[in-house]
Protein backbone atom coordinates (compact mmCIF):
# COMPACT_ATOMS: atom_id res chain seq x y z
CA UNK A 1 0.00 0.00 0.00
CA UNK A 2 1.32 3.39 -0.97
CA UNK A 3 0.82 6.66 0.80
CA UNK A 4 0.45 9.59 -1.56
CA UNK A 5 0.13 13.26 -0.73
CA UNK A 6 -2.46 14.44 -3.24
CA UNK A 7 -1.86 18.09 -2.33
CA UNK A 8 1.81 17.69 -3.39
CA UNK A 9 0.75 15.99 -6.63
CA UNK A 10 -1.70 18.81 -7.30
CA UNK A 11 1.01 21.42 -6.68
CA UNK A 12 3.29 19.62 -9.14
CA UNK A 13 0.55 19.66 -11.79
CA UNK A 14 -0.12 23.37 -11.22
CA UNK A 15 3.61 24.16 -11.38
CA UNK A 16 3.94 22.29 -14.68
CA UNK A 17 0.97 24.23 -16.03
CA UNK A 18 2.51 27.53 -14.87
CA UNK A 19 5.76 26.61 -16.64
CA UNK A 20 3.81 25.71 -19.78
CA UNK A 21 1.90 29.01 -19.61
CA UNK A 22 5.15 30.99 -19.38
CA UNK A 23 6.59 29.15 -22.37
CA UNK A 24 3.43 29.71 -24.41
CA UNK A 25 3.29 33.36 -23.35
CA UNK A 26 6.84 33.96 -24.57
CA UNK A 27 6.07 32.18 -27.84
CA UNK A 28 2.87 34.22 -28.30
CA UNK A 29 4.75 37.44 -27.61
CA UNK A 30 7.46 36.50 -30.13
CA UNK A 31 4.82 35.60 -32.75
CA UNK A 32 3.02 38.89 -32.09
CA UNK A 33 6.28 40.78 -32.54
CA UNK A 34 6.90 38.90 -35.78
CA UNK A 35 3.39 39.71 -37.04
CA UNK A 36 3.68 43.42 -36.28
CA UNK A 37 7.34 43.92 -37.19
CA UNK A 38 8.05 46.35 -40.03
CA UNK A 39 10.04 43.66 -41.85
CA UNK A 40 7.02 41.33 -41.87
CA UNK A 41 4.98 43.58 -44.14
CA UNK A 42 4.01 41.79 -47.30
CA UNK A 43 6.28 42.57 -50.23
CA UNK A 44 3.73 41.23 -52.70
CA UNK A 45 0.36 39.48 -52.70
CA UNK A 46 2.01 36.07 -52.23
CA UNK A 47 4.02 37.06 -49.17
CA UNK A 48 2.02 35.78 -46.19
CA UNK A 49 4.66 35.80 -43.45
CA UNK A 50 2.96 38.52 -41.42
CA UNK A 51 -0.48 36.92 -41.80
CA UNK A 52 0.83 33.51 -40.77
CA UNK A 53 2.60 35.02 -37.76
CA UNK A 54 -0.63 36.74 -36.68
CA UNK A 55 -2.54 33.43 -36.90
CA UNK A 56 0.18 31.78 -34.85
CA UNK A 57 0.12 34.57 -32.25
CA UNK A 58 -3.67 34.34 -31.97
CA UNK A 59 -3.56 30.55 -31.55
CA UNK A 60 -0.85 30.73 -28.92
CA UNK A 61 -2.70 33.47 -27.02
CA UNK A 62 -5.78 31.21 -27.01
CA UNK A 63 -3.65 28.33 -25.69
CA UNK A 64 -2.32 30.61 -22.91
CA UNK A 65 -5.92 31.31 -21.85
CA UNK A 66 -6.73 27.58 -21.86
CA UNK A 67 -3.72 26.84 -19.64
CA UNK A 68 -4.71 29.69 -17.31
CA UNK A 69 -8.18 28.16 -17.03
CA UNK A 70 -6.61 24.77 -16.26
CA UNK A 71 -4.45 26.33 -13.54
CA UNK A 72 -7.52 27.91 -11.97
CA UNK A 73 -9.53 24.68 -12.13
CA UNK A 74 -6.74 22.66 -10.52
CA UNK A 75 -6.31 25.30 -7.80
CA UNK A 76 -10.03 25.05 -7.01
CA UNK A 77 -10.02 21.24 -7.05
CA UNK A 78 -10.97 19.54 -3.80
CA UNK A 79 -8.31 16.89 -3.13
CA UNK A 80 -9.00 16.05 0.48
CA UNK A 81 -8.00 12.59 1.53
CA UNK A 82 -10.81 10.17 0.91
CA UNK A 83 -11.96 6.94 2.42
CA UNK A 84 -10.08 4.12 0.61
CA UNK A 85 -13.45 2.46 -0.02
CA UNK A 86 -14.75 5.58 -1.78
CA UNK A 87 -15.48 5.81 -5.47
CA UNK A 88 -13.37 7.44 -8.16
CA UNK A 89 -14.25 11.07 -8.81
CA UNK A 90 -12.54 14.27 -9.94
CA UNK A 91 -9.42 14.76 -7.81
CA UNK A 92 -8.94 11.04 -7.17
CA UNK A 93 -5.63 9.21 -7.50
CA UNK A 94 -6.17 5.70 -8.88
CA UNK A 95 -3.87 2.69 -9.06
CA UNK A 96 -4.65 0.13 -11.76
CA UNK A 97 -2.93 -3.24 -11.88
CA UNK A 98 -2.85 -6.14 -14.29
CA UNK A 99 -0.50 -9.01 -15.09
CA UNK A 100 1.95 -6.58 -16.70
CA UNK A 101 2.27 -4.23 -13.73
CA UNK A 102 0.68 -1.16 -12.24
CA UNK A 103 -0.17 2.36 -13.36
CA UNK A 104 -1.14 5.47 -11.43
CA UNK A 105 -3.62 8.05 -12.67
CA UNK A 106 -4.82 11.38 -11.30
CA UNK A 107 -8.31 12.31 -12.47
CA UNK A 108 -8.19 16.04 -13.16
CA UNK A 109 -10.42 18.60 -14.85
CA UNK A 110 -7.90 19.29 -17.67
CA UNK A 111 -4.30 18.64 -18.73
CA UNK A 112 -4.89 15.04 -19.78
CA UNK A 113 -1.63 13.38 -20.75
CA UNK A 114 0.55 15.39 -18.37
CA UNK A 115 2.88 13.27 -16.25
CA UNK A 116 4.24 14.07 -12.81
CA UNK A 117 6.47 12.07 -10.52
CA UNK A 118 5.70 11.53 -6.85
CA UNK A 119 7.58 9.30 -4.42
CA UNK A 120 9.35 7.61 -7.35
CA UNK A 121 6.09 6.85 -9.20
CA UNK A 122 4.99 8.26 -12.55
CA UNK A 123 1.44 9.57 -12.38
CA UNK A 124 -0.52 10.32 -15.54
CA UNK A 125 -3.21 12.99 -15.46
CA UNK A 126 -6.42 11.91 -17.18
CA UNK A 127 -9.76 13.67 -17.55
CA UNK A 128 -13.31 12.38 -17.08
CA UNK A 129 -13.82 12.88 -20.84
CA UNK A 130 -11.07 10.41 -21.76
CA UNK A 131 -12.07 6.78 -22.43
CA UNK A 132 -10.19 5.64 -19.33
CA UNK A 133 -11.64 8.45 -17.22
CA UNK A 134 -15.16 7.54 -18.32
CA UNK A 135 -14.61 3.94 -17.21
CA UNK A 136 -13.02 4.94 -13.90
CA UNK A 137 -15.68 7.38 -12.68
CA UNK A 138 -17.64 5.66 -9.93
CA UNK A 139 -15.29 2.65 -9.67
CA UNK A 140 -14.15 1.47 -6.25
CA UNK A 141 -11.13 -0.41 -5.02
CA UNK A 142 -11.37 -3.99 -6.30
CA UNK A 143 -13.38 -2.95 -9.36
CA UNK A 144 -12.49 -4.41 -12.73
CA UNK A 145 -12.37 -2.87 -16.17
CA UNK A 146 -11.29 -3.81 -19.65
CA UNK A 147 -9.13 -1.48 -21.69
CA UNK A 148 -7.95 -1.71 -25.25
CA UNK A 149 -4.21 -1.09 -25.33
CA UNK A 150 -2.12 -1.63 -28.41
CA UNK A 151 -5.00 -3.33 -30.19
CA UNK A 152 -5.55 -5.91 -27.44
CA UNK A 153 -8.12 -5.89 -24.65
CA UNK A 154 -6.61 -6.19 -21.20
CA UNK A 155 -8.20 -6.68 -17.80
CA UNK A 156 -7.32 -4.24 -15.02
CA UNK A 157 -8.18 -4.08 -11.36
CA UNK A 158 -8.63 -0.88 -9.37
CA UNK A 159 -6.02 -1.64 -6.72
CA UNK A 160 -6.04 1.70 -4.94
CA UNK A 161 -8.19 4.81 -4.66
CA UNK A 162 -6.94 7.88 -2.83
C-alpha atoms as a PDB file:
ATOM      1  CA  UNK A   1       0.000   0.000   0.000  1.00  0.00           C
ATOM      2  CA  UNK A   2       1.319   3.390  -0.969  1.00  0.00           C
ATOM      3  CA  UNK A   3       0.822   6.662   0.802  1.00  0.00           C
ATOM      4  CA  UNK A   4       0.450   9.595  -1.556  1.00  0.00           C
ATOM      5  CA  UNK A   5       0.129  13.258  -0.735  1.00  0.00           C
ATOM      6  CA  UNK A   6      -2.463  14.444  -3.242  1.00  0.00           C
ATOM      7  CA  UNK A   7      -1.861  18.090  -2.330  1.00  0.00           C
ATOM      8  CA  UNK A   8       1.806  17.690  -3.388  1.00  0.00           C
ATOM      9  CA  UNK A   9       0.753  15.990  -6.625  1.00  0.00           C
ATOM     10  CA  UNK A  10      -1.701  18.808  -7.296  1.00  0.00           C
ATOM     11  CA  UNK A  11       1.006  21.417  -6.678  1.00  0.00           C
ATOM     12  CA  UNK A  12       3.289  19.616  -9.141  1.00  0.00           C
ATOM     13  CA  UNK A  13       0.552  19.658 -11.791  1.00  0.00           C
ATOM     14  CA  UNK A  14      -0.117  23.370 -11.219  1.00  0.00           C
ATOM     15  CA  UNK A  15       3.608  24.162 -11.384  1.00  0.00           C
ATOM     16  CA  UNK A  16       3.942  22.290 -14.680  1.00  0.00           C
ATOM     17  CA  UNK A  17       0.974  24.227 -16.034  1.00  0.00           C
ATOM     18  CA  UNK A  18       2.514  27.530 -14.866  1.00  0.00           C
ATOM     19  CA  UNK A  19       5.759  26.613 -16.641  1.00  0.00           C
ATOM     20  CA  UNK A  20       3.806  25.711 -19.784  1.00  0.00           C
ATOM     21  CA  UNK A  21       1.903  29.012 -19.610  1.00  0.00           C
ATOM     22  CA  UNK A  22       5.147  30.987 -19.384  1.00  0.00           C
ATOM     23  CA  UNK A  23       6.592  29.151 -22.375  1.00  0.00           C
ATOM     24  CA  UNK A  24       3.435  29.714 -24.405  1.00  0.00           C
ATOM     25  CA  UNK A  25       3.287  33.356 -23.352  1.00  0.00           C
ATOM     26  CA  UNK A  26       6.841  33.961 -24.572  1.00  0.00           C
ATOM     27  CA  UNK A  27       6.073  32.182 -27.845  1.00  0.00           C
ATOM     28  CA  UNK A  28       2.872  34.219 -28.304  1.00  0.00           C
ATOM     29  CA  UNK A  29       4.746  37.437 -27.613  1.00  0.00           C
ATOM     30  CA  UNK A  30       7.456  36.502 -30.131  1.00  0.00           C
ATOM     31  CA  UNK A  31       4.820  35.604 -32.755  1.00  0.00           C
ATOM     32  CA  UNK A  32       3.018  38.895 -32.087  1.00  0.00           C
ATOM     33  CA  UNK A  33       6.277  40.785 -32.536  1.00  0.00           C
ATOM     34  CA  UNK A  34       6.896  38.898 -35.783  1.00  0.00           C
ATOM     35  CA  UNK A  35       3.390  39.711 -37.037  1.00  0.00           C
ATOM     36  CA  UNK A  36       3.682  43.420 -36.276  1.00  0.00           C
ATOM     37  CA  UNK A  37       7.338  43.924 -37.187  1.00  0.00           C
ATOM     38  CA  UNK A  38       8.046  46.350 -40.026  1.00  0.00           C
ATOM     39  CA  UNK A  39      10.041  43.663 -41.849  1.00  0.00           C
ATOM     40  CA  UNK A  40       7.017  41.330 -41.873  1.00  0.00           C
ATOM     41  CA  UNK A  41       4.979  43.576 -44.138  1.00  0.00           C
ATOM     42  CA  UNK A  42       4.011  41.789 -47.305  1.00  0.00           C
ATOM     43  CA  UNK A  43       6.283  42.568 -50.226  1.00  0.00           C
ATOM     44  CA  UNK A  44       3.733  41.228 -52.697  1.00  0.00           C
ATOM     45  CA  UNK A  45       0.360  39.480 -52.704  1.00  0.00           C
ATOM     46  CA  UNK A  46       2.009  36.066 -52.228  1.00  0.00           C
ATOM     47  CA  UNK A  47       4.022  37.063 -49.171  1.00  0.00           C
ATOM     48  CA  UNK A  48       2.018  35.776 -46.189  1.00  0.00           C
ATOM     49  CA  UNK A  49       4.662  35.802 -43.450  1.00  0.00           C
ATOM     50  CA  UNK A  50       2.956  38.518 -41.418  1.00  0.00           C
ATOM     51  CA  UNK A  51      -0.481  36.923 -41.803  1.00  0.00           C
ATOM     52  CA  UNK A  52       0.834  33.505 -40.771  1.00  0.00           C
ATOM     53  CA  UNK A  53       2.604  35.018 -37.756  1.00  0.00           C
ATOM     54  CA  UNK A  54      -0.632  36.739 -36.680  1.00  0.00           C
ATOM     55  CA  UNK A  55      -2.537  33.427 -36.905  1.00  0.00           C
ATOM     56  CA  UNK A  56       0.181  31.784 -34.851  1.00  0.00           C
ATOM     57  CA  UNK A  57       0.123  34.571 -32.252  1.00  0.00           C
ATOM     58  CA  UNK A  58      -3.672  34.338 -31.967  1.00  0.00           C
ATOM     59  CA  UNK A  59      -3.562  30.548 -31.550  1.00  0.00           C
ATOM     60  CA  UNK A  60      -0.854  30.735 -28.917  1.00  0.00           C
ATOM     61  CA  UNK A  61      -2.702  33.470 -27.025  1.00  0.00           C
ATOM     62  CA  UNK A  62      -5.784  31.213 -27.007  1.00  0.00           C
ATOM     63  CA  UNK A  63      -3.654  28.333 -25.691  1.00  0.00           C
ATOM     64  CA  UNK A  64      -2.317  30.605 -22.910  1.00  0.00           C
ATOM     65  CA  UNK A  65      -5.923  31.312 -21.848  1.00  0.00           C
ATOM     66  CA  UNK A  66      -6.729  27.577 -21.860  1.00  0.00           C
ATOM     67  CA  UNK A  67      -3.723  26.835 -19.645  1.00  0.00           C
ATOM     68  CA  UNK A  68      -4.706  29.691 -17.314  1.00  0.00           C
ATOM     69  CA  UNK A  69      -8.184  28.158 -17.028  1.00  0.00           C
ATOM     70  CA  UNK A  70      -6.610  24.766 -16.264  1.00  0.00           C
ATOM     71  CA  UNK A  71      -4.453  26.327 -13.540  1.00  0.00           C
ATOM     72  CA  UNK A  72      -7.524  27.913 -11.974  1.00  0.00           C
ATOM     73  CA  UNK A  73      -9.535  24.676 -12.130  1.00  0.00           C
ATOM     74  CA  UNK A  74      -6.735  22.662 -10.517  1.00  0.00           C
ATOM     75  CA  UNK A  75      -6.314  25.299  -7.802  1.00  0.00           C
ATOM     76  CA  UNK A  76     -10.031  25.047  -7.005  1.00  0.00           C
ATOM     77  CA  UNK A  77     -10.016  21.239  -7.051  1.00  0.00           C
ATOM     78  CA  UNK A  78     -10.971  19.537  -3.799  1.00  0.00           C
ATOM     79  CA  UNK A  79      -8.315  16.892  -3.135  1.00  0.00           C
ATOM     80  CA  UNK A  80      -9.000  16.045   0.478  1.00  0.00           C
ATOM     81  CA  UNK A  81      -7.999  12.593   1.533  1.00  0.00           C
ATOM     82  CA  UNK A  82     -10.810  10.174   0.905  1.00  0.00           C
ATOM     83  CA  UNK A  83     -11.958   6.942   2.417  1.00  0.00           C
ATOM     84  CA  UNK A  84     -10.076   4.117   0.610  1.00  0.00           C
ATOM     85  CA  UNK A  85     -13.446   2.458  -0.021  1.00  0.00           C
ATOM     86  CA  UNK A  86     -14.746   5.580  -1.781  1.00  0.00           C
ATOM     87  CA  UNK A  87     -15.476   5.810  -5.473  1.00  0.00           C
ATOM     88  CA  UNK A  88     -13.365   7.438  -8.164  1.00  0.00           C
ATOM     89  CA  UNK A  89     -14.248  11.074  -8.812  1.00  0.00           C
ATOM     90  CA  UNK A  90     -12.541  14.267  -9.943  1.00  0.00           C
ATOM     91  CA  UNK A  91      -9.420  14.759  -7.812  1.00  0.00           C
ATOM     92  CA  UNK A  92      -8.937  11.040  -7.169  1.00  0.00           C
ATOM     93  CA  UNK A  93      -5.633   9.214  -7.502  1.00  0.00           C
ATOM     94  CA  UNK A  94      -6.168   5.704  -8.882  1.00  0.00           C
ATOM     95  CA  UNK A  95      -3.874   2.694  -9.057  1.00  0.00           C
ATOM     96  CA  UNK A  96      -4.651   0.134 -11.758  1.00  0.00           C
ATOM     97  CA  UNK A  97      -2.927  -3.236 -11.882  1.00  0.00           C
ATOM     98  CA  UNK A  98      -2.846  -6.143 -14.287  1.00  0.00           C
ATOM     99  CA  UNK A  99      -0.505  -9.014 -15.087  1.00  0.00           C
ATOM    100  CA  UNK A 100       1.950  -6.577 -16.701  1.00  0.00           C
ATOM    101  CA  UNK A 101       2.271  -4.229 -13.734  1.00  0.00           C
ATOM    102  CA  UNK A 102       0.682  -1.158 -12.238  1.00  0.00           C
ATOM    103  CA  UNK A 103      -0.166   2.358 -13.357  1.00  0.00           C
ATOM    104  CA  UNK A 104      -1.140   5.466 -11.425  1.00  0.00           C
ATOM    105  CA  UNK A 105      -3.624   8.051 -12.673  1.00  0.00           C
ATOM    106  CA  UNK A 106      -4.817  11.376 -11.301  1.00  0.00           C
ATOM    107  CA  UNK A 107      -8.310  12.308 -12.465  1.00  0.00           C
ATOM    108  CA  UNK A 108      -8.189  16.037 -13.158  1.00  0.00           C
ATOM    109  CA  UNK A 109     -10.420  18.600 -14.854  1.00  0.00           C
ATOM    110  CA  UNK A 110      -7.904  19.285 -17.666  1.00  0.00           C
ATOM    111  CA  UNK A 111      -4.304  18.642 -18.733  1.00  0.00           C
ATOM    112  CA  UNK A 112      -4.886  15.043 -19.779  1.00  0.00           C
ATOM    113  CA  UNK A 113      -1.627  13.381 -20.753  1.00  0.00           C
ATOM    114  CA  UNK A 114       0.546  15.392 -18.374  1.00  0.00           C
ATOM    115  CA  UNK A 115       2.878  13.271 -16.248  1.00  0.00           C
ATOM    116  CA  UNK A 116       4.239  14.072 -12.814  1.00  0.00           C
ATOM    117  CA  UNK A 117       6.474  12.074 -10.517  1.00  0.00           C
ATOM    118  CA  UNK A 118       5.705  11.534  -6.852  1.00  0.00           C
ATOM    119  CA  UNK A 119       7.580   9.303  -4.416  1.00  0.00           C
ATOM    120  CA  UNK A 120       9.345   7.611  -7.348  1.00  0.00           C
ATOM    121  CA  UNK A 121       6.094   6.850  -9.201  1.00  0.00           C
ATOM    122  CA  UNK A 122       4.989   8.262 -12.547  1.00  0.00           C
ATOM    123  CA  UNK A 123       1.437   9.573 -12.383  1.00  0.00           C
ATOM    124  CA  UNK A 124      -0.518  10.315 -15.543  1.00  0.00           C
ATOM    125  CA  UNK A 125      -3.215  12.990 -15.463  1.00  0.00           C
ATOM    126  CA  UNK A 126      -6.423  11.912 -17.177  1.00  0.00           C
ATOM    127  CA  UNK A 127      -9.759  13.674 -17.553  1.00  0.00           C
ATOM    128  CA  UNK A 128     -13.306  12.378 -17.081  1.00  0.00           C
ATOM    129  CA  UNK A 129     -13.818  12.880 -20.842  1.00  0.00           C
ATOM    130  CA  UNK A 130     -11.069  10.408 -21.759  1.00  0.00           C
ATOM    131  CA  UNK A 131     -12.067   6.784 -22.434  1.00  0.00           C
ATOM    132  CA  UNK A 132     -10.186   5.642 -19.330  1.00  0.00           C
ATOM    133  CA  UNK A 133     -11.643   8.454 -17.217  1.00  0.00           C
ATOM    134  CA  UNK A 134     -15.160   7.539 -18.321  1.00  0.00           C
ATOM    135  CA  UNK A 135     -14.612   3.943 -17.207  1.00  0.00           C
ATOM    136  CA  UNK A 136     -13.024   4.940 -13.902  1.00  0.00           C
ATOM    137  CA  UNK A 137     -15.677   7.379 -12.680  1.00  0.00           C
ATOM    138  CA  UNK A 138     -17.641   5.661  -9.926  1.00  0.00           C
ATOM    139  CA  UNK A 139     -15.288   2.653  -9.671  1.00  0.00           C
ATOM    140  CA  UNK A 140     -14.155   1.470  -6.248  1.00  0.00           C
ATOM    141  CA  UNK A 141     -11.134  -0.413  -5.017  1.00  0.00           C
ATOM    142  CA  UNK A 142     -11.371  -3.986  -6.299  1.00  0.00           C
ATOM    143  CA  UNK A 143     -13.378  -2.949  -9.357  1.00  0.00           C
ATOM    144  CA  UNK A 144     -12.488  -4.412 -12.727  1.00  0.00           C
ATOM    145  CA  UNK A 145     -12.365  -2.867 -16.166  1.00  0.00           C
ATOM    146  CA  UNK A 146     -11.294  -3.806 -19.650  1.00  0.00           C
ATOM    147  CA  UNK A 147      -9.126  -1.480 -21.692  1.00  0.00           C
ATOM    148  CA  UNK A 148      -7.948  -1.711 -25.248  1.00  0.00           C
ATOM    149  CA  UNK A 149      -4.213  -1.091 -25.327  1.00  0.00           C
ATOM    150  CA  UNK A 150      -2.117  -1.628 -28.413  1.00  0.00           C
ATOM    151  CA  UNK A 151      -5.004  -3.327 -30.190  1.00  0.00           C
ATOM    152  CA  UNK A 152      -5.545  -5.914 -27.438  1.00  0.00           C
ATOM    153  CA  UNK A 153      -8.119  -5.890 -24.646  1.00  0.00           C
ATOM    154  CA  UNK A 154      -6.607  -6.188 -21.202  1.00  0.00           C
ATOM    155  CA  UNK A 155      -8.201  -6.679 -17.802  1.00  0.00           C
ATOM    156  CA  UNK A 156      -7.322  -4.241 -15.017  1.00  0.00           C
ATOM    157  CA  UNK A 157      -8.180  -4.078 -11.358  1.00  0.00           C
ATOM    158  CA  UNK A 158      -8.631  -0.882  -9.372  1.00  0.00           C
ATOM    159  CA  UNK A 159      -6.016  -1.643  -6.724  1.00  0.00           C
ATOM    160  CA  UNK A 160      -6.044   1.701  -4.937  1.00  0.00           C
ATOM    161  CA  UNK A 161      -8.188   4.810  -4.661  1.00  0.00           C
ATOM    162  CA  UNK A 162      -6.940   7.883  -2.826  1.00  0.00           C
END
